[in-house]
Amino acid sequence: MKGGFLSFMWRSNWVYEIFTIIAIIALFAIPLILYTAFGNGDDEDSDTSNQSEIIWGVDSASYTDENMYACVTQNFGEPEVWGRYLGDREDVSVGLDSNEVDYLHQNDISILLIYNHVNEAVGYDHGIEHAKQAIQYAKNLGVPEGVALFVDIEPSYPVDSVFIEGWYDQLAESAYYPGIYGVFDGESELDAAYQDMKNDVQQNTIVWSAYPQLEVTTKENAPDYQPQAPDNAMAYGWQYAIDADTCNIDTNLFKSELIDFLW
């Protein structure tokens, strides 16, 4: 009887040890199985969440009223961004005013601010002077801090790196953020001037590129986001087509990061 009891106890201990080993293996195996099954999906979700959203918008030299807004939305789609100019420029553009600001904001549109009072983008002091003027226009409109001001440097304008550095330095000391609009095709004067700038200026200036130029489209038929810009640029905007036949607009795509710098 004693031997039978010991034999029973031995078998019981053996069974207990087997179950203990199985439990330990399961304890480590289950998390590994779950990670294998779901871990890659989490990584993919994370990668997707880190990608920029691309948003569609327009810019115009014309005043935005109900008729202009209806023209754009009915013929092209609803823009999330609307580029408008700081101050009037005779025979070129009508400046943004407070009523237009209110109207655009009531329609849930973010405003991209453009300064187009430059003819020669040459010289450091000249860059500072234009930045000061842009800042004053922005202050007069009540533009909040942190909004980017884009200097419009057309392909026909002479430009050098120190002008842009002057523009950058003055804006960096203000409540606003420096931006540049122009043709960055790898061969333009603007491209060369950008490459000659100090590294910190290159890395902290938002670029809105007007190259390459395609056809005007509706929002639904907009191309993939493929602007040409310097490799190290904050290339947050692409004006992919200009001069729509219907409505006085150009069409654009923007990275969602730009929203933080719009009004």
Protein backbone atom coordinates (compact mmCIF):
# COMPACT_ATOMS: atom_id res chain seq x y z
CA MET A 1 0.00 0.00 0.00
CA LYS A 2 2.84 2.35 0.85
CA GLY A 3 4.52 1.61 -2.49
CA GLY A 4 1.25 2.28 -4.31
CA PHE A 5 0.89 5.61 -2.56
CA LEU A 6 4.46 6.63 -3.44
CA SER A 7 3.88 5.55 -7.03
CA PHE A 8 0.73 7.67 -7.15
CA MET A 9 2.55 10.67 -5.68
CA TRP A 10 5.38 10.30 -8.16
CA ARG A 11 2.92 10.21 -11.05
CA SER A 12 1.06 13.23 -9.62
CA ASN A 13 4.27 15.25 -9.32
CA TRP A 14 5.24 14.27 -12.82
CA VAL A 15 1.88 15.40 -14.21
CA TYR A 16 2.12 18.63 -12.21
CA GLU A 17 5.58 19.33 -13.58
CA ILE A 18 4.39 18.71 -17.15
CA PHE A 19 1.51 21.16 -16.73
CA THR A 20 3.84 23.69 -15.12
CA ILE A 21 6.23 23.49 -18.07
CA ILE A 22 3.33 23.86 -20.53
CA ALA A 23 2.04 26.90 -18.63
CA ILE A 24 5.47 28.56 -18.66
CA ILE A 25 5.86 27.93 -22.39
CA ALA A 26 2.39 29.35 -23.04
CA LEU A 27 3.18 32.39 -20.90
CA PHE A 28 6.04 33.34 -23.21
CA ALA A 29 4.60 32.03 -26.46
CA ILE A 30 1.23 33.80 -26.44
CA PRO A 31 2.63 37.38 -26.48
CA LEU A 32 5.02 36.36 -29.26
CA ILE A 33 2.16 34.90 -31.29
CA LEU A 34 0.05 38.01 -30.75
CA TYR A 35 2.92 40.30 -31.76
CA THR A 36 3.54 38.26 -34.90
CA ALA A 37 -0.15 38.37 -35.79
CA PHE A 38 -0.82 42.02 -35.06
CA GLY A 39 2.52 43.79 -34.65
CA ASN A 40 3.13 44.38 -38.36
CA GLY A 41 -0.31 45.86 -38.76
CA ASP A 42 0.43 48.35 -35.99
CA ASP A 43 3.64 49.34 -37.74
CA GLU A 44 1.77 49.87 -40.97
CA ASP A 45 -0.83 52.00 -39.21
CA SER A 46 1.96 54.02 -37.64
CA ASP A 47 3.67 54.52 -40.98
CA THR A 48 0.39 55.62 -42.53
CA SER A 49 -0.32 58.09 -39.73
CA ASN A 50 3.10 59.67 -40.22
CA GLN A 51 2.49 60.30 -43.92
CA SER A 52 1.49 63.81 -44.99
CA GLU A 53 -2.04 64.34 -46.14
CA ILE A 54 -2.21 66.22 -49.44
CA ILE A 55 -4.80 68.98 -49.65
CA TRP A 56 -6.10 70.96 -52.62
CA GLY A 57 -6.35 74.71 -52.87
CA VAL A 58 -6.25 77.76 -55.09
CA ASP A 59 -4.62 81.17 -55.20
CA SER A 60 -5.96 84.27 -56.87
CA ALA A 61 -5.13 87.90 -57.51
CA SER A 62 -8.87 88.67 -57.40
CA TYR A 63 -11.03 89.56 -54.43
CA THR A 64 -12.99 86.68 -52.94
CA ASP A 65 -16.71 87.39 -52.71
CA GLU A 66 -19.75 85.14 -53.03
CA ASN A 67 -19.57 85.10 -56.83
CA MET A 68 -15.88 84.22 -56.87
CA TYR A 69 -16.34 81.51 -54.26
CA ALA A 70 -19.30 80.03 -56.16
CA CYS A 71 -17.31 80.08 -59.40
CA VAL A 72 -14.50 78.07 -57.81
CA THR A 73 -16.62 75.57 -55.89
CA GLN A 74 -19.03 74.89 -58.75
CA ASN A 75 -16.36 74.49 -61.42
CA PHE A 76 -13.41 73.03 -59.53
CA GLY A 77 -14.37 71.88 -56.04
CA GLU A 78 -14.09 73.15 -52.50
CA PRO A 79 -10.58 74.38 -51.67
CA GLU A 80 -9.11 73.95 -48.20
CA VAL A 81 -6.50 76.64 -48.86
CA TRP A 82 -6.87 79.99 -50.63
CA GLY A 83 -3.80 82.06 -51.46
CA ARG A 84 -4.28 85.83 -51.32
CA TYR A 85 -2.09 88.91 -51.50
CA LEU A 86 -0.93 91.36 -48.88
CA GLY A 87 -1.69 94.89 -50.05
CA ASP A 88 -2.86 96.13 -53.44
CA ARG A 89 -0.55 96.10 -56.43
CA GLU A 90 -1.90 98.22 -59.26
CA ASP A 91 -2.94 96.24 -62.35
CA VAL A 92 -1.64 93.05 -60.72
CA SER A 93 -3.55 92.04 -57.59
CA VAL A 94 -6.20 93.19 -55.16
CA GLY A 95 -5.06 93.05 -51.56
CA LEU A 96 -6.75 90.96 -48.91
CA ASP A 97 -8.97 92.85 -46.45
CA SER A 98 -10.72 91.97 -43.20
CA ASN A 99 -14.11 91.32 -44.83
CA GLU A 100 -12.53 88.83 -47.21
CA VAL A 101 -10.70 87.18 -44.32
CA ASP A 102 -13.98 86.73 -42.46
CA TYR A 103 -15.70 85.35 -45.56
CA LEU A 104 -12.99 82.76 -46.22
CA HIS A 105 -12.88 81.70 -42.58
CA GLN A 106 -16.68 81.35 -42.50
CA ASN A 107 -16.27 78.83 -45.30
CA ASP A 108 -13.60 76.89 -43.36
CA ILE A 109 -10.80 77.94 -45.70
CA SER A 110 -7.24 78.57 -44.52
CA ILE A 111 -5.54 81.62 -46.03
CA LEU A 112 -2.05 81.49 -47.52
CA LEU A 113 -0.46 84.95 -47.44
CA ILE A 114 1.54 86.19 -50.44
CA TYR A 115 3.74 89.28 -50.63
CA ASN A 116 4.24 90.34 -54.27
CA HIS A 117 5.75 93.83 -54.07
CA VAL A 118 9.23 92.79 -55.21
CA ASN A 119 10.69 93.56 -58.65
CA GLU A 120 14.35 92.93 -57.90
CA ALA A 121 15.15 90.36 -55.23
CA VAL A 122 18.74 91.50 -54.82
CA GLY A 123 20.67 92.64 -51.74
CA TYR A 124 20.47 91.81 -48.05
CA ASP A 125 19.13 95.23 -46.99
CA HIS A 126 16.54 95.04 -49.75
CA GLY A 127 15.36 91.71 -48.37
CA ILE A 128 15.03 93.23 -44.90
CA GLU A 129 13.06 96.22 -46.25
CA HIS A 130 10.56 94.01 -48.05
CA ALA A 131 10.20 91.75 -45.03
CA LYS A 132 9.42 94.78 -42.86
CA GLN A 133 6.76 95.90 -45.32
CA ALA A 134 5.22 92.42 -45.42
CA ILE A 135 5.20 92.29 -41.61
CA GLN A 136 3.43 95.65 -41.46
CA TYR A 137 0.78 94.51 -43.94
CA ALA A 138 0.22 91.41 -41.81
CA LYS A 139 -0.03 93.40 -38.58
CA ASN A 140 -2.51 95.81 -40.16
CA LEU A 141 -4.74 92.86 -41.04
CA GLY A 142 -4.43 91.33 -37.59
CA VAL A 143 -2.62 88.22 -38.81
CA PRO A 144 -1.79 86.05 -35.76
CA GLU A 145 1.75 84.99 -34.91
CA GLY A 146 3.21 81.86 -36.46
CA VAL A 147 1.66 82.44 -39.89
CA ALA A 148 4.02 82.21 -42.89
CA LEU A 149 4.49 85.11 -45.31
CA PHE A 150 5.53 84.01 -48.80
CA VAL A 151 7.62 86.36 -50.91
CA ASP A 152 6.71 86.02 -54.59
CA ILE A 153 9.88 85.86 -56.71
CA GLU A 154 8.86 85.60 -60.36
CA PRO A 155 11.15 83.95 -62.95
CA SER A 156 11.91 87.29 -64.62
CA TYR A 157 13.15 88.90 -61.38
CA PRO A 158 16.86 89.10 -60.62
CA VAL A 159 17.51 87.34 -57.31
CA ASP A 160 20.44 86.53 -55.06
CA SER A 161 20.90 84.51 -51.90
CA VAL A 162 21.48 87.48 -49.60
CA PHE A 163 18.09 88.98 -50.47
CA ILE A 164 16.41 85.80 -49.27
CA GLU A 165 18.64 85.74 -46.18
CA GLY A 166 17.57 89.31 -45.40
CA TRP A 167 13.94 88.33 -45.85
CA TYR A 168 14.49 85.30 -43.62
CA ASP A 169 16.40 87.12 -40.87
CA GLN A 170 13.81 89.88 -40.52
CA LEU A 171 10.88 87.47 -40.44
CA ALA A 172 12.69 85.17 -38.01
CA GLU A 173 12.84 88.09 -35.57
CA SER A 174 9.13 88.80 -36.02
CA ALA A 175 5.95 86.97 -35.10
CA TYR A 176 5.79 85.43 -38.57
CA TYR A 177 7.47 82.63 -40.52
CA PRO A 178 9.52 82.98 -43.74
CA GLY A 179 8.33 81.43 -46.99
CA ILE A 180 9.28 81.66 -50.68
CA TYR A 181 7.19 81.18 -53.80
CA GLY A 182 8.82 80.68 -57.19
CA VAL A 183 10.02 78.40 -59.95
CA PHE A 184 12.45 75.77 -58.67
CA ASP A 185 13.34 73.88 -61.83
CA GLY A 186 16.99 73.16 -61.07
CA GLU A 187 18.19 75.85 -63.47
CA SER A 188 16.45 79.08 -62.41
CA GLU A 189 18.19 82.02 -60.74
CA LEU A 190 15.98 81.40 -57.73
CA ASP A 191 17.18 77.81 -57.52
CA ALA A 192 20.82 78.93 -57.65
CA ALA A 193 20.20 81.63 -55.04
CA TYR A 194 18.52 79.12 -52.73
CA GLN A 195 21.46 76.72 -53.00
CA ASP A 196 23.86 79.54 -52.09
CA MET A 197 22.02 80.41 -48.88
CA LYS A 198 23.21 79.45 -45.42
CA ASN A 199 22.14 75.95 -44.38
CA ASP A 200 19.91 77.11 -41.53
CA VAL A 201 18.06 79.47 -43.88
CA GLN A 202 17.54 76.67 -46.41
CA GLN A 203 16.28 74.27 -43.77
CA ASN A 204 13.87 76.71 -42.11
CA THR A 205 12.26 78.47 -45.06
CA ILE A 206 9.01 77.05 -46.42
CA VAL A 207 9.09 76.54 -50.18
CA TRP A 208 6.02 76.84 -52.38
CA SER A 209 7.19 75.64 -55.78
CA ALA A 210 5.64 76.58 -59.12
CA TYR A 211 7.35 73.78 -61.01
CA PRO A 212 6.57 71.65 -62.91
CA GLN A 213 3.55 73.28 -64.56
CA LEU A 214 0.72 70.98 -65.63
CA GLU A 215 -2.89 71.55 -66.70
CA VAL A 216 -5.55 73.15 -64.50
CA THR A 217 -7.77 70.46 -62.98
CA THR A 218 -10.68 70.05 -60.64
CA LYS A 219 -10.01 69.04 -57.06
CA GLU A 220 -11.08 65.48 -57.86
CA ASN A 221 -8.68 65.19 -60.81
CA ALA A 222 -5.65 66.81 -59.21
CA PRO A 223 -2.30 65.11 -59.92
CA ASP A 224 -0.13 63.31 -57.38
CA TYR A 225 1.98 65.62 -55.24
CA GLN A 226 5.26 65.91 -57.16
CA PRO A 227 6.74 69.43 -56.95
CA GLN A 228 10.34 70.07 -57.87
CA ALA A 229 12.29 71.77 -55.09
CA PRO A 230 15.76 71.68 -53.51
CA ASP A 231 16.44 68.41 -51.69
CA ASN A 232 16.70 69.94 -48.23
CA ALA A 233 13.76 72.32 -48.63
CA MET A 234 10.53 72.38 -46.63
CA ALA A 235 8.60 71.85 -49.88
CA TYR A 236 5.09 72.18 -48.50
CA GLY A 237 3.34 73.61 -51.56
CA TRP A 238 3.05 73.08 -55.31
CA GLN A 239 1.29 75.44 -57.68
CA TYR A 240 0.82 72.85 -60.41
CA ALA A 241 -1.17 74.98 -62.88
CA ILE A 242 -1.95 78.64 -63.51
CA ASP A 243 -4.55 80.84 -65.22
CA ALA A 244 -7.73 78.80 -65.22
CA ASP A 245 -10.07 79.77 -68.07
CA THR A 246 -13.01 79.76 -65.67
CA CYS A 247 -12.45 81.93 -62.57
CA ASN A 248 -9.22 83.86 -62.07
CA ILE A 249 -7.34 81.18 -60.13
CA ASP A 250 -4.28 78.98 -60.09
CA THR A 251 -4.53 75.44 -58.70
CA ASN A 252 -2.34 74.00 -55.97
CA LEU A 253 -1.55 71.03 -53.80
CA PHE A 254 -0.17 71.37 -50.28
CA LYS A 255 1.22 69.10 -47.61
CA SER A 256 -0.89 69.06 -44.49
CA GLU A 257 2.09 70.35 -42.48
CA LEU A 258 1.53 73.74 -44.09
CA ILE A 259 -1.80 74.19 -42.30
CA ASP A 260 0.09 75.15 -39.13
CA PHE A 261 1.54 78.12 -41.02
CA LEU A 262 -1.69 79.39 -42.58
CA TRP A 263 -4.26 81.82 -41.27
